[in-house]
Protein backbone atom coordinates (compact mmCIF):
# COMPACT_ATOMS: atom_id res chain seq x y z
CA MET A 1 13.45 -46.36 102.04
CA SER A 2 9.95 -47.36 102.10
CA ARG A 3 7.32 -47.53 99.26
CA ALA A 4 4.89 -45.01 101.09
CA SER A 5 7.99 -42.69 101.20
CA THR A 6 8.80 -43.09 97.85
CA ALA A 7 5.13 -42.14 96.73
CA GLY A 8 5.21 -39.15 99.19
CA GLY A 9 8.09 -37.71 97.50
CA ASN A 10 6.96 -38.28 93.99
CA ARG A 11 3.64 -36.77 94.79
CA GLY A 12 5.67 -33.65 96.46
CA ASN A 13 7.91 -33.42 93.29
CA ARG A 14 4.83 -33.33 91.04
CA ALA A 15 3.08 -30.58 93.47
CA ARG A 16 6.30 -28.63 92.87
CA ARG A 17 6.05 -28.99 88.95
CA ALA A 18 2.89 -27.99 89.29
CA GLY A 19 3.42 -24.96 91.32
CA ARG A 20 6.42 -23.83 88.73
CA ALA A 21 4.11 -24.40 85.51
CA ALA A 22 1.36 -22.38 87.18
CA GLY A 23 3.76 -19.31 88.31
CA ARG A 24 5.09 -19.77 84.36
CA LEU A 25 1.54 -19.28 83.33
CA LEU A 26 0.54 -16.52 85.68
CA HIS A 27 3.94 -14.69 85.02
CA ARG A 28 4.00 -15.32 81.37
CA PRO A 29 1.54 -12.16 80.39
CA PHE A 30 3.26 -9.60 82.42
CA THR A 31 6.54 -10.57 81.07
CA GLY A 32 5.18 -10.69 77.55
CA ALA A 33 3.56 -7.55 77.95
CA ALA A 34 6.93 -5.97 79.54
CA ARG A 35 9.00 -7.48 76.58
CA GLY A 36 6.19 -5.91 74.26
CA LEU A 37 6.58 -2.66 75.94
CA ARG A 38 10.43 -2.55 75.62
CA ARG A 39 10.36 -3.13 71.89
CA LEU A 40 8.26 -0.48 71.32
CA THR A 41 10.34 2.21 73.47
CA HIS A 42 13.39 0.83 72.07
CA ALA A 43 12.50 0.79 68.23
CA HIS A 44 14.13 2.80 65.66
CA GLY A 45 17.39 2.90 67.48
CA ALA A 46 15.82 4.46 70.77
CA GLY A 47 17.27 1.75 72.68
CA GLU A 48 20.78 2.20 71.39
CA SER A 49 20.86 5.99 71.90
CA GLY A 50 19.21 5.85 75.21
CA LEU A 51 15.85 7.64 74.28
CA GLY A 52 14.03 4.55 75.21
CA LYS A 53 15.22 4.72 78.90
CA LEU A 54 14.19 8.26 78.66
CA ILE A 55 10.59 7.23 77.57
CA GLU A 56 10.16 4.64 80.32
CA LEU A 57 11.68 7.17 82.79
CA HIS A 58 9.00 9.69 81.93
CA ALA A 59 6.19 7.54 81.93
CA VAL A 60 7.30 6.50 85.66
CA ASN A 61 7.10 10.16 86.34
CA SER A 62 3.75 10.68 85.11
CA ALA A 63 2.53 7.79 87.01
CA GLY A 64 3.58 9.45 90.17
CA ASP A 65 2.30 12.67 89.48
CA MET A 66 -1.21 11.30 88.62
CA MET A 67 -1.24 9.45 92.16
CA ILE A 68 -0.19 12.70 93.66
CA THR A 69 -3.16 14.52 91.64
CA VAL A 70 -5.59 11.62 92.46
CA ALA A 71 -4.70 12.54 96.44
CA LEU A 72 -4.77 16.37 96.19
CA ALA A 73 -8.06 16.46 94.14
CA SER A 74 -10.00 14.36 96.59
CA THR A 75 -8.94 16.68 99.46
CA VAL A 76 -8.90 19.98 97.52
CA PHE A 77 -11.55 19.72 95.33
CA PHE A 78 -14.17 17.10 95.84
CA SER A 79 -14.56 16.71 99.51
CA VAL A 80 -15.76 20.60 99.99
CA PRO A 81 -18.49 22.64 98.78
CA THR A 82 -17.85 24.46 95.29
CA ASP A 83 -17.26 27.80 97.08
CA GLN A 84 -14.65 26.61 99.55
CA ALA A 85 -12.85 24.40 96.95
CA ARG A 86 -12.55 27.28 95.00
CA GLY A 87 -10.61 28.98 97.69
CA ARG A 88 -8.47 26.12 98.48
CA VAL A 89 -7.68 25.82 94.45
CA ALA A 90 -7.09 29.33 94.48
CA LEU A 91 -4.71 29.33 97.35
CA TYR A 92 -2.86 26.25 95.88
CA LEU A 93 -2.39 28.52 92.44
CA ALA A 94 -1.60 31.55 94.22
CA VAL A 95 1.50 29.95 96.03
CA THR A 96 2.84 28.34 92.70
CA LEU A 97 2.45 31.84 90.74
CA ALA A 98 5.43 33.78 92.39
CA PRO A 99 7.80 30.97 92.61
CA PHE A 100 7.40 30.22 88.89
CA ALA A 101 7.74 34.10 88.33
CA LEU A 102 11.02 33.66 89.91
CA LEU A 103 11.97 30.57 88.57
CA ALA A 104 11.11 31.49 84.64
CA PRO A 105 14.34 33.69 84.36
CA VAL A 106 16.63 31.32 86.69
CA ILE A 107 15.87 27.77 85.57
CA GLY A 108 17.37 28.09 81.88
CA PRO A 109 20.90 29.75 83.15
CA LEU A 110 20.77 27.50 86.09
CA LEU A 111 20.30 24.32 83.71
CA ASP A 112 23.43 25.97 81.82
CA ARG A 113 25.82 26.06 84.54
CA ILE A 114 25.11 22.52 85.49
CA PRO A 115 25.18 20.71 82.30
CA HIS A 116 27.02 17.57 83.88
CA GLY A 117 24.29 16.98 86.59
CA ARG A 118 21.22 16.63 84.72
CA ARG A 119 20.60 12.61 85.71
CA ALA A 120 20.97 13.79 89.08
CA ALA A 121 18.88 16.60 88.74
CA MET A 122 16.12 14.66 87.58
CA ALA A 123 16.72 11.94 90.33
CA GLY A 124 16.44 14.70 92.71
CA SER A 125 13.32 16.16 91.49
CA MET A 126 12.00 12.32 91.94
CA LEU A 127 13.13 11.67 95.50
CA ALA A 128 12.08 15.32 96.46
CA ARG A 129 8.45 14.41 95.29
CA ALA A 130 8.83 10.85 97.11
CA LEU A 131 9.64 12.36 100.78
CA LEU A 132 6.92 15.50 100.14
CA ALA A 133 4.23 12.70 98.97
CA VAL A 134 5.00 11.16 102.43
CA THR A 135 4.78 14.49 104.28
CA MET A 136 1.54 15.23 102.75
CA SER A 137 0.01 11.65 103.62
CA GLY A 138 -0.39 13.34 106.89
CA ALA A 139 -2.22 16.23 106.27
CA VAL A 140 -4.14 15.02 102.91
CA ALA A 141 -7.29 13.80 105.26
CA ASP A 142 -8.38 16.97 106.68
CA GLY A 143 -6.72 19.46 103.83
CA GLY A 144 -4.95 21.67 106.43
CA LEU A 145 -2.73 24.83 105.77
CA GLU A 146 0.44 22.57 105.99
CA LEU A 147 -0.73 20.67 102.90
CA TYR A 148 0.22 23.84 100.19
CA PRO A 149 3.60 24.26 100.82
CA ALA A 150 4.48 20.39 100.33
CA ALA A 151 1.94 20.61 97.29
CA LEU A 152 3.93 23.77 96.08
CA GLY A 153 7.10 21.86 96.16
CA VAL A 154 5.97 18.83 94.56
CA LEU A 155 5.04 21.21 91.52
CA VAL A 156 8.36 22.92 91.29
CA ALA A 157 10.08 19.40 91.74
CA SER A 158 7.49 18.67 88.82
CA LYS A 159 7.98 21.29 86.44
CA ALA A 160 12.09 21.21 87.14
CA TYR A 161 11.78 17.65 85.97
CA GLY A 162 9.95 18.84 83.05
CA VAL A 163 12.65 21.33 82.09
CA VAL A 164 15.55 18.93 82.44
CA ARG A 165 13.70 16.44 80.35
CA SER A 166 13.23 18.58 77.40
CA ALA A 167 17.03 19.80 77.10
CA VAL A 168 17.71 15.94 77.30
CA VAL A 169 15.85 14.76 74.34
CA PRO A 170 18.39 16.30 71.84
CA ARG A 171 21.23 14.47 73.27
CA LEU A 172 19.43 10.87 73.11
CA LEU A 173 18.07 11.31 69.47
CA PRO A 174 18.81 8.20 67.46
CA PRO A 175 19.90 8.73 63.81
CA ARG A 176 16.55 7.45 62.34
CA ILE A 177 14.33 9.59 64.33
CA SER A 178 13.34 13.43 64.15
CA LEU A 179 13.24 15.63 67.49
CA VAL A 180 9.26 15.80 67.24
CA LYS A 181 8.93 12.05 66.54
CA ALA A 182 10.85 11.77 69.74
CA ASN A 183 8.93 13.99 71.75
CA SER A 184 5.71 12.61 70.56
CA ARG A 185 6.99 9.08 72.11
CA VAL A 186 8.13 10.70 75.42
CA THR A 187 4.62 12.63 75.60
CA LEU A 188 2.74 9.69 74.44
CA ALA A 189 4.25 7.31 77.12
CA GLY A 190 3.53 9.94 79.62
CA LEU A 191 -0.23 9.87 78.91
CA LEU A 192 -0.29 6.21 78.64
CA ALA A 193 0.92 5.51 82.15
CA THR A 194 -1.19 8.50 83.29
CA GLY A 195 -4.32 6.50 82.11
CA ALA A 196 -2.73 3.52 83.89
CA ALA A 197 -1.97 5.11 87.11
CA ALA A 198 -5.62 6.80 87.62
CA PRO A 199 -7.34 3.60 88.18
CA VAL A 200 -4.79 2.70 90.51
CA GLY A 201 -4.19 6.05 92.44
CA ALA A 202 -8.50 5.86 93.00
CA GLY A 203 -8.18 2.30 94.08
CA LEU A 204 -5.66 3.04 96.62
CA HIS A 205 -7.57 5.85 97.55
CA LEU A 206 -10.63 3.67 98.42
CA ILE A 207 -8.29 2.09 101.29
CA GLY A 208 -7.79 5.49 102.68
CA PRO A 209 -6.40 9.29 101.69
CA PRO A 210 -3.00 8.89 102.25
CA TRP A 211 -2.46 5.48 100.27
CA PRO A 212 -2.20 7.22 96.88
CA LEU A 213 0.68 9.31 98.31
CA PHE A 214 2.35 6.14 99.36
CA GLY A 215 1.97 4.33 96.14
CA ALA A 216 3.31 7.78 94.66
CA PHE A 217 6.20 7.22 97.05
CA VAL A 218 7.11 3.96 95.90
CA VAL A 219 6.61 5.41 91.86
CA PHE A 220 8.96 8.04 92.28
CA VAL A 221 11.86 6.16 94.38
CA GLY A 222 11.89 3.57 91.55
CA GLY A 223 11.99 6.74 89.20
CA ALA A 224 14.93 7.89 90.96
CA PHE A 225 17.08 4.84 90.36
CA LEU A 226 15.99 4.76 86.73
CA SER A 227 17.39 8.36 86.55
CA PHE A 228 20.95 6.84 86.82
CA THR A 229 20.11 4.08 84.13
CA LEU A 230 20.04 6.92 81.33
CA PRO A 231 23.59 7.14 79.30
CA HIS A 232 26.64 9.28 80.51
CA LYS A 233 26.11 11.54 77.55
CA VAL A 234 22.94 13.15 79.02
CA ASP A 235 25.65 14.71 81.54
CA SER A 236 27.76 16.03 78.57
CA GLY A 237 27.80 19.78 78.34
CA LYS A 238 30.64 19.94 75.40
CA GLY A 239 29.61 22.62 72.86
CA GLU A 240 26.70 24.24 74.79
CA ALA A 241 26.04 27.86 75.44
CA ARG A 242 23.18 29.36 77.11
CA ALA A 243 20.26 30.95 75.17
CA ARG A 244 18.62 34.41 75.67
CA LEU A 245 15.09 35.41 75.04
CA THR A 246 15.08 38.94 75.24
CA ALA A 247 17.52 41.81 73.87
CA ARG A 248 18.10 43.02 77.22
CA GLU A 249 19.73 39.75 78.24
CA GLU A 250 21.97 40.07 75.05
CA GLU A 251 22.93 43.55 75.86
CA ALA A 252 24.06 42.55 79.24
CA ALA A 253 26.07 40.06 77.48
CA GLY A 254 28.64 42.36 76.94
CA PRO A 255 30.34 43.72 73.87
CA PRO A 256 29.53 41.99 70.26
CA ARG A 257 32.55 39.94 70.32
CA SER A 258 31.67 38.31 73.45
CA ARG A 259 27.99 38.01 72.76
CA ARG A 260 26.83 34.05 72.19
CA PRO A 261 23.66 32.94 70.00
CA GLY A 262 20.49 33.69 71.22
CA LEU A 263 16.89 32.88 69.98
CA ARG A 264 16.47 36.35 68.87
CA THR A 265 19.22 35.98 66.39
CA VAL A 266 17.62 32.74 64.40
CA GLY A 267 14.92 34.63 63.03
CA PRO A 268 11.04 34.83 64.33
CA SER A 269 9.83 31.61 63.68
CA VAL A 270 10.70 30.09 67.27
CA LEU A 271 9.38 33.25 68.89
CA HIS A 272 6.09 33.25 67.24
CA GLY A 273 5.87 29.30 67.97
CA LEU A 274 6.25 30.39 71.47
CA GLN A 275 3.85 32.87 71.63
CA ALA A 276 1.04 30.72 69.62
CA ASN A 277 2.01 27.63 72.56
CA ALA A 278 1.92 30.51 75.24
CA ALA A 279 -1.86 31.13 74.21
CA LEU A 280 -2.50 27.40 74.01
CA ARG A 281 -1.09 26.45 77.12
CA SER A 282 -3.12 29.41 78.67
CA LEU A 283 -6.07 27.97 77.13
CA SER A 284 -5.54 24.49 78.87
CA GLY A 285 -4.77 25.92 82.11
CA PHE A 286 -8.26 28.06 82.25
CA LEU A 287 -9.99 25.30 80.99
CA THR A 288 -8.83 22.81 83.42
CA PHE A 289 -10.23 25.25 86.39
CA PHE A 290 -13.13 26.69 85.03
CA LEU A 291 -14.77 23.30 83.41
CA ALA A 292 -13.71 21.72 86.67
CA PHE A 293 -15.99 24.29 88.85
CA ILE A 294 -18.60 24.89 86.54
CA LEU A 295 -19.13 20.81 85.59
CA ARG A 296 -19.30 20.48 89.44
CA GLU A 297 -22.02 23.18 89.92
CA HIS A 298 -23.68 22.63 86.49
CA PRO A 299 -23.04 19.45 85.02
CA LEU A 300 -23.77 18.86 81.44
CA ALA A 301 -27.34 17.88 80.76
CA GLY A 302 -28.55 14.21 81.66
CA LEU A 303 -25.28 13.72 83.74
CA GLY A 304 -23.99 14.11 87.27
CA PRO A 305 -20.97 16.16 88.34
CA ALA A 306 -18.47 13.24 87.99
CA ALA A 307 -19.83 11.91 84.84
CA SER A 308 -19.64 15.23 83.44
CA LEU A 309 -15.89 15.95 84.72
CA GLY A 310 -15.00 12.19 83.71
CA LEU A 311 -16.44 12.91 80.01
CA VAL A 312 -14.35 16.13 79.57
CA ALA A 313 -11.08 14.56 81.04
CA VAL A 314 -11.16 11.63 78.62
CA CYS A 315 -12.24 13.91 75.69
CA ALA A 316 -9.07 16.22 76.47
CA GLY A 317 -6.86 13.38 77.41
CA GLY A 318 -8.30 11.64 73.82
CA GLY A 319 -7.51 15.00 72.09
CA ASN A 320 -3.96 15.13 73.67
CA ALA A 321 -3.19 11.94 72.39
CA LEU A 322 -4.39 12.17 69.15
CA GLY A 323 -2.34 15.27 68.47
CA THR A 324 0.81 13.46 69.59
CA ALA A 325 0.04 10.71 67.02
CA VAL A 326 -0.51 13.04 64.50
CA GLY A 327 2.57 14.99 65.10
CA ALA A 328 4.49 11.91 64.92
CA TRP A 329 3.06 11.34 61.62
CA LEU A 330 3.58 14.99 60.61
CA ARG A 331 7.06 14.69 61.74
CA ALA A 332 8.43 18.22 60.95
CA ARG A 333 6.72 18.85 57.98
CA GLY A 334 6.06 23.14 57.89
CA PRO A 335 5.49 23.24 61.60
CA GLU A 336 4.92 27.06 61.21
CA ARG A 337 1.86 26.08 59.10
CA ILE A 338 0.60 23.11 61.52
CA ILE A 339 1.04 26.00 64.54
CA ALA A 340 -1.10 28.61 62.68
CA ALA A 341 -3.82 25.69 61.70
CA VAL A 342 -4.18 24.34 64.93
CA LEU A 343 -4.91 28.04 66.67
CA GLY A 344 -7.55 28.60 63.78
CA VAL A 345 -8.91 25.26 64.83
CA ALA A 346 -8.87 26.17 68.68
CA LEU A 347 -10.33 29.60 68.03
CA THR A 348 -12.96 28.02 65.83
CA ALA A 349 -13.94 25.37 68.57
CA THR A 350 -14.10 28.04 71.49
CA VAL A 351 -16.07 30.52 69.53
CA VAL A 352 -18.56 27.59 68.69
CA ALA A 353 -18.68 26.41 72.50
CA ALA A 354 -19.50 30.10 73.67
CA VAL A 355 -22.09 30.85 70.90
CA PHE A 356 -23.90 27.38 71.85
CA TYR A 357 -23.06 26.79 75.09
CA ASN A 358 -26.53 27.48 76.73
CA LEU A 359 -28.18 25.37 73.77
CA LEU A 360 -25.55 22.28 73.01
CA ALA A 361 -23.39 22.16 76.24
CA LEU A 362 -23.13 18.21 76.19
CA VAL A 363 -21.60 18.60 72.64
CA VAL A 364 -19.80 21.82 72.50
CA VAL A 365 -17.88 21.30 75.87
CA PRO A 366 -16.08 18.26 75.13
CA VAL A 367 -15.32 19.09 71.64
CA ALA A 368 -13.94 22.23 72.80
CA ALA A 369 -11.82 20.24 75.58
CA ALA A 370 -10.55 18.00 72.79
CA ALA A 371 -9.46 20.41 70.62
CA ALA A 372 -7.62 22.27 73.12
CA GLY A 373 -5.86 18.79 73.86
CA LEU A 374 -5.32 18.15 70.25
CA CYS A 375 -4.04 21.64 69.54
CA GLN A 376 -1.80 22.24 72.30
CA ALA A 377 0.09 18.73 71.32
CA LEU A 378 0.48 19.55 67.94
CA ALA A 379 1.79 23.05 68.65
CA LYS A 380 4.41 21.73 71.19
CA LEU A 381 5.39 19.40 68.97
CA SER A 382 5.77 21.78 65.88
CA LEU A 383 7.68 24.32 68.40
CA ASP A 384 10.13 21.45 69.13
CA ALA A 385 10.82 20.73 65.41
CA MET A 386 11.67 24.60 65.07
CA ILE A 387 13.74 24.70 67.84
CA GLN A 388 15.51 21.64 66.17
CA ARG A 389 15.86 23.28 62.87
CA ASP A 390 16.37 27.01 63.93
CA VAL A 391 18.26 27.02 67.27
CA PRO A 392 22.01 26.71 67.24
CA GLU A 393 23.21 23.09 68.62
CA GLN A 394 25.16 25.25 71.17
CA VAL A 395 22.35 26.87 72.43
CA ARG A 396 19.31 24.30 72.02
CA THR A 397 19.75 22.80 75.24
CA SER A 398 19.09 26.40 76.77
CA ALA A 399 16.35 27.14 74.60
CA PHE A 400 14.42 24.05 75.18
CA ALA A 401 14.41 24.82 78.80
CA ARG A 402 13.79 28.64 78.75
CA SER A 403 10.56 27.78 76.46
CA GLU A 404 9.41 25.12 78.65
CA THR A 405 9.35 27.54 81.64
CA ALA A 406 7.41 30.07 79.86
CA LEU A 407 4.91 27.87 78.70
CA GLN A 408 4.39 26.76 82.48
CA MET A 409 3.98 30.02 83.30
CA ALA A 410 1.33 30.56 80.74
CA TRP A 411 -0.52 27.76 82.36
CA VAL A 412 -0.60 29.06 85.54
CA VAL A 413 -1.95 32.32 84.55
CA GLY A 414 -4.84 30.77 82.37
CA GLY A 415 -5.60 28.67 85.56
CA ALA A 416 -6.15 31.85 87.76
CA ILE A 417 -7.97 33.36 85.26
CA GLY A 418 -10.05 30.16 85.22
CA ILE A 419 -10.29 30.23 88.98
CA ALA A 420 -11.31 33.96 88.97
CA LEU A 421 -13.98 33.75 86.51
CA PRO A 422 -17.98 33.50 87.42
CA LEU A 423 -19.45 30.23 86.63
CA ILE A 424 -21.22 31.31 83.46
CA GLY A 425 -20.67 28.86 80.72
CA MET A 426 -20.88 31.24 77.60
CA LEU A 427 -18.73 34.35 79.93
CA GLY A 428 -16.07 31.19 80.27
CA MET A 429 -15.97 29.89 76.85
CA THR A 430 -15.71 33.40 75.49
CA VAL A 431 -12.83 34.22 77.67
CA ALA A 432 -11.22 30.99 76.31
CA ALA A 433 -11.68 32.19 72.72
CA ALA A 434 -10.04 35.45 73.96
CA LEU A 435 -7.05 33.71 75.09
CA VAL A 436 -6.73 32.14 71.69
CA ALA A 437 -7.38 35.16 69.69
CA ALA A 438 -4.31 36.95 71.68
CA GLY A 439 -2.12 34.16 70.23
CA VAL A 440 -3.59 34.46 66.63
CA LEU A 441 -3.48 38.19 66.37
CA LEU A 442 0.68 38.20 68.10
CA ALA A 443 1.54 34.76 65.80
CA VAL A 444 -0.17 33.83 62.71
CA ARG A 445 0.98 36.63 60.45
CA GLY A 446 5.04 36.08 61.71
CA LEU A 447 4.37 32.27 61.37
CA LEU A 448 3.00 32.22 57.88
CA SER A 449 5.40 34.93 56.65
CA ALA A 450 8.39 32.54 57.70
CA ALA A 451 6.66 29.56 56.40
CA ARG A 452 6.65 31.66 53.15
CA ARG A 453 10.37 32.20 53.21
CA GLY A 454 11.03 28.54 53.94
CA GLY A 455 10.94 28.20 57.27
CA ARG A 456 13.37 30.52 58.36
CA ALA A 457 14.86 34.09 57.68
CA GLY A 458 18.28 32.21 57.97
CA PRO A 459 20.15 31.98 61.09
CA ARG A 460 21.74 35.28 62.23
CA VAL A 461 24.21 33.90 65.08
CA VAL A 462 26.12 36.69 66.43
């Protein structure tokens, strides 16, 4: 072998070693970040129980939903004049209202009948959204009517995933983590993934309107595979029964000896907590649509429409994240009092926003959005804690499914009110305060009475 060929071989080896070193250097930040995230999601026994995998799955789900939201918002909302946008969004919300009215009494019992298919149900909701995202990619550019049935399917699949996910969490609780803390981890992971996916979706939209939907397709296909990595105990239906929300359902169950435990048999805390959460969820839906339209037409002083919407969205998301973090810290301490307190905070914030809207909109609107996000997060975590505490284990899974469906309906109703209302700031904040006041009147007295009795009236399982 000649000296020249030997020198060439040495140079080639050095180049390969340098390339591998550069690859490791570039790869290390990503692998290090992945290992750090894995340590966080699997901490305190969450890795052994399977909760860590559910946290990661929910992050993937939230990222995919965010990409679809970016694609739809650019078509349904931002690309047309305000009056036309209101009509499009009203149509979008209208086609969701009737199906959810039908799904509300069906999803819970259906889940009870197929407890052995929860992983498949979550994977199915992911695959359905992946296929629908591709379907919408052809219509998203011009916003044709064929976009709305596909968008409806995406929303229904997303909400179905949420119901199943809420039912799965109790099955994956580690010994050292309470339900409220577990739900706060799952929710926080979703919020972080949403925040990370939003700029990615916006970047893809710069390439072309269909590209965020192609990104969502990839994310949801990955989520479908992740669904089957959850532990097999997710599909176990051992020891479960159906939860009933109304007396009529209990009467339909048959003679007393054949009755099964229901939500009305475990004291008032859960029902009053659900009423309070419904009021706060309707407030969230109302503010989402009302502020989106009024800030587009009448932006906050000194800001443009996009900046106004961005500020309010950041405040709402920050409030939600703060509420989730506070909920994890509070754990299950006095959930009735927590819900009563956040109702008071939300009512105060919306009343102040209504009174001072014309003078200090730049201050009171972001504060009201942040307060709504914080209060909704804390109230939901407290409701979860009460369900864990008061609802018998054999009906707890169904209780989560039924309560989540009711809250989704409340959000749709609040959003419909926000779309229909005239774009008058003081009027809108007054209606927002009225929604919260309804929750205060329905729930606060019962919650405080239950708290004085020690949190429950003593389970009366019949």
